[in-house]
C-alpha cells in the first residue's frame, strides 16, 4: 500500500466517524430534552391528581350535605301530608 492509499483510508475513516457521531450527538440532545419534558409532565400530572382527589372529596362532602337536607325535606313533607289526611 502506498502513502496516498493509507492517507485516503484514514480520511475515509475520519469522515465515517464524523458522519456517524454527528447524528448521535443530536439524538442524545433530543433524548435529554424529551426526558426533561417527561419529568415535568409527570410532575404536573401528580399535582393534578392530588388536586383532583381533593376536589372529589369536597364534592362528596357537599353531596352528603345535600342528601341530608333532601332527606329532611322529604320527612317534613311526609309529616305535612299525614297531618293533612288526618286533619
N, C-alpha and C. Protein backbone atom coordinates (compact mmCIF):
# COMPACT_ATOMS: atom_id res chain seq x y z
N UNK A 1 0.85 -1.17 0.00
CA UNK A 1 0.00 0.00 0.00
C UNK A 1 0.89 1.23 0.00
N UNK A 2 0.51 2.20 -0.82
CA UNK A 2 1.29 3.42 -0.88
C UNK A 2 0.85 4.40 0.18
N UNK A 3 1.63 5.48 0.28
CA UNK A 3 1.31 6.51 1.28
C UNK A 3 -0.05 7.12 1.05
N UNK A 4 -0.38 7.38 -0.20
CA UNK A 4 -1.64 8.04 -0.50
C UNK A 4 -2.84 7.13 -0.23
N UNK A 5 -2.63 5.86 -0.40
CA UNK A 5 -3.72 4.92 -0.09
C UNK A 5 -3.99 4.90 1.41
N UNK A 6 -2.92 4.94 2.19
CA UNK A 6 -3.07 4.98 3.65
C UNK A 6 -3.76 6.27 4.08
N UNK A 7 -3.33 7.40 3.47
CA UNK A 7 -3.94 8.70 3.80
C UNK A 7 -5.42 8.69 3.42
N UNK A 8 -5.74 8.15 2.24
CA UNK A 8 -7.14 8.14 1.83
C UNK A 8 -7.97 7.22 2.71
N UNK A 9 -7.44 6.11 3.19
CA UNK A 9 -8.17 5.23 4.11
C UNK A 9 -8.42 5.96 5.42
N UNK A 10 -7.42 6.68 5.92
CA UNK A 10 -7.59 7.43 7.17
C UNK A 10 -8.64 8.52 6.99
N UNK A 11 -8.62 9.24 5.87
CA UNK A 11 -9.59 10.29 5.60
C UNK A 11 -11.00 9.70 5.53
N UNK A 12 -11.14 8.56 4.87
CA UNK A 12 -12.44 7.91 4.78
C UNK A 12 -12.93 7.49 6.16
N UNK A 13 -12.06 6.93 6.98
CA UNK A 13 -12.44 6.52 8.33
C UNK A 13 -12.85 7.72 9.19
N UNK A 14 -12.09 8.82 9.10
CA UNK A 14 -12.43 10.02 9.87
C UNK A 14 -13.78 10.56 9.40
N UNK A 15 -14.00 10.57 8.09
CA UNK A 15 -15.28 11.02 7.55
C UNK A 15 -16.43 10.15 8.03
N UNK A 16 -16.22 8.85 8.07
CA UNK A 16 -17.25 7.92 8.56
C UNK A 16 -17.56 8.17 10.03
N UNK A 17 -16.52 8.36 10.81
CA UNK A 17 -16.72 8.63 12.25
C UNK A 17 -17.49 9.93 12.45
N UNK A 18 -17.15 10.97 11.69
CA UNK A 18 -17.84 12.25 11.81
C UNK A 18 -19.29 12.13 11.36
N UNK A 19 -19.51 11.42 10.26
CA UNK A 19 -20.87 11.30 9.75
C UNK A 19 -21.76 10.47 10.68
N UNK A 20 -21.20 9.57 11.45
CA UNK A 20 -21.98 8.77 12.39
C UNK A 20 -22.13 9.50 13.73
N UNK A 21 -21.09 10.18 14.18
CA UNK A 21 -21.14 10.81 15.50
C UNK A 21 -22.02 12.06 15.51
N UNK A 22 -22.13 12.78 14.40
CA UNK A 22 -22.97 13.98 14.35
C UNK A 22 -24.42 13.68 14.69
N UNK A 23 -25.08 12.76 13.99
CA UNK A 23 -26.47 12.42 14.34
C UNK A 23 -26.60 11.83 15.75
N UNK A 24 -25.58 11.13 16.21
CA UNK A 24 -25.65 10.56 17.56
C UNK A 24 -25.68 11.67 18.60
N UNK A 25 -24.89 12.72 18.39
CA UNK A 25 -24.87 13.85 19.33
C UNK A 25 -26.23 14.56 19.31
N UNK A 26 -26.81 14.76 18.11
CA UNK A 26 -28.12 15.39 18.01
C UNK A 26 -29.19 14.52 18.69
N UNK A 27 -29.11 13.22 18.48
CA UNK A 27 -30.07 12.31 19.09
C UNK A 27 -29.97 12.35 20.61
N UNK A 28 -28.76 12.42 21.12
CA UNK A 28 -28.55 12.49 22.56
C UNK A 28 -29.18 13.77 23.13
N UNK A 29 -28.99 14.90 22.43
CA UNK A 29 -29.59 16.16 22.88
C UNK A 29 -31.11 16.08 22.87
N UNK A 30 -31.65 15.48 21.81
CA UNK A 30 -33.10 15.34 21.71
C UNK A 30 -33.64 14.45 22.83
N UNK A 31 -32.95 13.36 23.12
CA UNK A 31 -33.39 12.46 24.20
C UNK A 31 -33.33 13.17 25.56
N UNK A 32 -32.32 14.01 25.75
CA UNK A 32 -32.21 14.75 27.01
C UNK A 32 -33.39 15.70 27.16
N UNK A 33 -33.75 16.43 26.08
CA UNK A 33 -34.90 17.34 26.14
C UNK A 33 -36.18 16.56 26.40
N UNK A 34 -36.33 15.43 25.73
CA UNK A 34 -37.53 14.62 25.91
C UNK A 34 -37.65 14.12 27.35
N UNK A 35 -36.55 13.69 27.91
CA UNK A 35 -36.54 13.21 29.29
C UNK A 35 -36.96 14.33 30.25
N UNK A 36 -36.43 15.52 30.02
CA UNK A 36 -36.77 16.66 30.87
C UNK A 36 -38.25 16.99 30.76
N UNK A 37 -38.77 17.01 29.54
CA UNK A 37 -40.19 17.31 29.36
C UNK A 37 -41.07 16.24 29.99
N UNK A 38 -40.69 14.99 29.90
CA UNK A 38 -41.46 13.92 30.52
C UNK A 38 -41.46 14.04 32.04
N UNK A 39 -40.33 14.45 32.61
CA UNK A 39 -40.28 14.65 34.06
C UNK A 39 -41.22 15.76 34.49
N UNK A 40 -41.23 16.87 33.73
CA UNK A 40 -42.14 17.98 34.04
C UNK A 40 -43.59 17.54 33.87
N UNK A 41 -43.87 16.77 32.82
CA UNK A 41 -45.23 16.28 32.58
C UNK A 41 -45.68 15.38 33.73
N UNK A 42 -44.81 14.47 34.15
CA UNK A 42 -45.14 13.56 35.24
C UNK A 42 -45.39 14.33 36.53
N UNK A 43 -44.56 15.32 36.78
CA UNK A 43 -44.72 16.14 37.99
C UNK A 43 -46.06 16.89 37.96
N UNK A 44 -46.39 17.46 36.81
CA UNK A 44 -47.66 18.17 36.66
C UNK A 44 -48.84 17.23 36.82
N UNK A 45 -48.71 16.02 36.28
CA UNK A 45 -49.79 15.03 36.38
C UNK A 45 -50.01 14.63 37.83
N UNK A 46 -48.94 14.46 38.59
CA UNK A 46 -49.08 14.10 40.00
C UNK A 46 -49.76 15.22 40.78
N UNK A 47 -49.41 16.48 40.47
CA UNK A 47 -50.07 17.60 41.14
C UNK A 47 -51.55 17.64 40.78
N UNK A 48 -51.85 17.40 39.51
CA UNK A 48 -53.25 17.39 39.07
C UNK A 48 -54.03 16.29 39.78
N UNK A 49 -53.44 15.11 39.91
CA UNK A 49 -54.12 14.01 40.59
C UNK A 49 -54.42 14.37 42.04
N UNK A 50 -53.49 15.04 42.70
CA UNK A 50 -53.71 15.47 44.08
C UNK A 50 -54.87 16.44 44.18
N UNK A 51 -54.88 17.44 43.27
CA UNK A 51 -55.98 18.41 43.28
C UNK A 51 -57.31 17.74 42.95
N UNK A 52 -57.28 16.77 42.05
CA UNK A 52 -58.50 16.06 41.64
C UNK A 52 -59.06 15.26 42.81
N UNK A 53 -58.18 14.58 43.56
CA UNK A 53 -58.64 13.81 44.72
C UNK A 53 -59.25 14.74 45.76
N UNK A 54 -58.61 15.90 45.99
CA UNK A 54 -59.16 16.87 46.95
C UNK A 54 -60.53 17.36 46.49
N UNK A 55 -60.65 17.63 45.20
CA UNK A 55 -61.92 18.10 44.64
C UNK A 55 -63.00 17.04 44.80
N UNK A 56 -62.67 15.79 44.53
CA UNK A 56 -63.65 14.71 44.70
C UNK A 56 -64.11 14.60 46.15
N UNK A 57 -63.16 14.75 47.07
CA UNK A 57 -63.51 14.69 48.50
C UNK A 57 -64.47 15.82 48.86
N UNK A 58 -64.17 17.04 48.37
CA UNK A 58 -65.05 18.18 48.64
C UNK A 58 -66.43 17.95 48.04
N UNK A 59 -66.48 17.43 46.83
CA UNK A 59 -67.77 17.17 46.19
C UNK A 59 -68.55 16.10 46.94
N UNK A 60 -67.85 15.10 47.48
CA UNK A 60 -68.52 14.07 48.28
C UNK A 60 -69.14 14.65 49.53
N UNK A 61 -68.41 15.56 50.18
CA UNK A 61 -68.94 16.22 51.39
C UNK A 61 -70.15 17.08 51.06
N UNK A 62 -70.09 17.81 49.95
CA UNK A 62 -71.23 18.63 49.52
C UNK A 62 -72.42 17.75 49.20
N UNK A 63 -72.16 16.63 48.53
CA UNK A 63 -73.23 15.70 48.18
C UNK A 63 -73.91 15.14 49.43
N UNK A 64 -73.11 14.79 50.44
CA UNK A 64 -73.67 14.27 51.69
C UNK A 64 -74.54 15.33 52.37
N UNK A 65 -74.08 16.58 52.34
CA UNK A 65 -74.85 17.67 52.95
C UNK A 65 -76.19 17.84 52.23
N UNK A 66 -76.13 17.83 50.91
CA UNK A 66 -77.38 17.99 50.14
C UNK A 66 -78.31 16.80 50.36
N UNK A 67 -77.75 15.61 50.46
CA UNK A 67 -78.59 14.43 50.69
C UNK A 67 -79.27 14.51 52.05
N UNK A 68 -78.56 15.00 53.06
CA UNK A 68 -79.15 15.16 54.39
C UNK A 68 -80.29 16.18 54.35
N UNK A 69 -80.08 17.30 53.63
CA UNK A 69 -81.13 18.31 53.50
C UNK A 69 -82.34 17.74 52.76
N UNK A 70 -82.08 16.99 51.72
CA UNK A 70 -83.16 16.38 50.95
C UNK A 70 -83.95 15.40 51.80
N UNK A 71 -83.25 14.58 52.58
CA UNK A 71 -83.95 13.65 53.48
C UNK A 71 -84.81 14.40 54.50
N UNK A 72 -84.28 15.50 55.01
CA UNK A 72 -85.02 16.30 55.98
C UNK A 72 -86.29 16.88 55.34
N UNK A 73 -86.15 17.41 54.11
CA UNK A 73 -87.33 17.96 53.42
C UNK A 73 -88.35 16.87 53.12
N UNK A 74 -87.86 15.72 52.72
CA UNK A 74 -88.78 14.62 52.42
C UNK A 74 -89.55 14.21 53.68
N UNK A 75 -88.86 14.15 54.81
CA UNK A 75 -89.52 13.79 56.07
C UNK A 75 -90.58 14.85 56.43
N UNK A 76 -90.22 16.12 56.27
CA UNK A 76 -91.17 17.18 56.62
C UNK A 76 -92.40 17.13 55.72
N UNK A 77 -92.20 16.85 54.44
CA UNK A 77 -93.34 16.76 53.53
C UNK A 77 -94.23 15.59 53.91
N UNK A 78 -93.61 14.47 54.27
CA UNK A 78 -94.38 13.29 54.67
C UNK A 78 -95.21 13.60 55.92
N UNK A 79 -94.63 14.31 56.87
CA UNK A 79 -95.35 14.69 58.08
C UNK A 79 -96.52 15.61 57.74
N UNK A 80 -96.28 16.59 56.87
CA UNK A 80 -97.36 17.51 56.48
C UNK A 80 -98.48 16.77 55.74
N UNK A 81 -98.13 15.85 54.87
CA UNK A 81 -99.15 15.08 54.16
C UNK A 81 -99.97 14.24 55.13
N UNK A 82 -99.31 13.62 56.10
CA UNK A 82 -100.02 12.81 57.08
C UNK A 82 -100.95 13.68 57.94
N UNK A 83 -100.49 14.87 58.27
CA UNK A 83 -101.31 15.81 59.04
C UNK A 83 -102.55 16.22 58.25
N UNK A 84 -102.36 16.44 56.96
CA UNK A 84 -103.46 16.86 56.09
C UNK A 84 -104.51 15.76 55.96
N UNK A 85 -104.06 14.51 55.88
CA UNK A 85 -105.00 13.38 55.77
C UNK A 85 -105.79 13.22 57.08
N UNK A 86 -105.14 13.42 58.19
CA UNK A 86 -105.78 13.23 59.49
C UNK A 86 -106.60 14.46 59.91
N UNK A 87 -106.23 15.59 59.34
CA UNK A 87 -106.76 16.82 59.86
C UNK A 87 -107.97 17.33 59.26
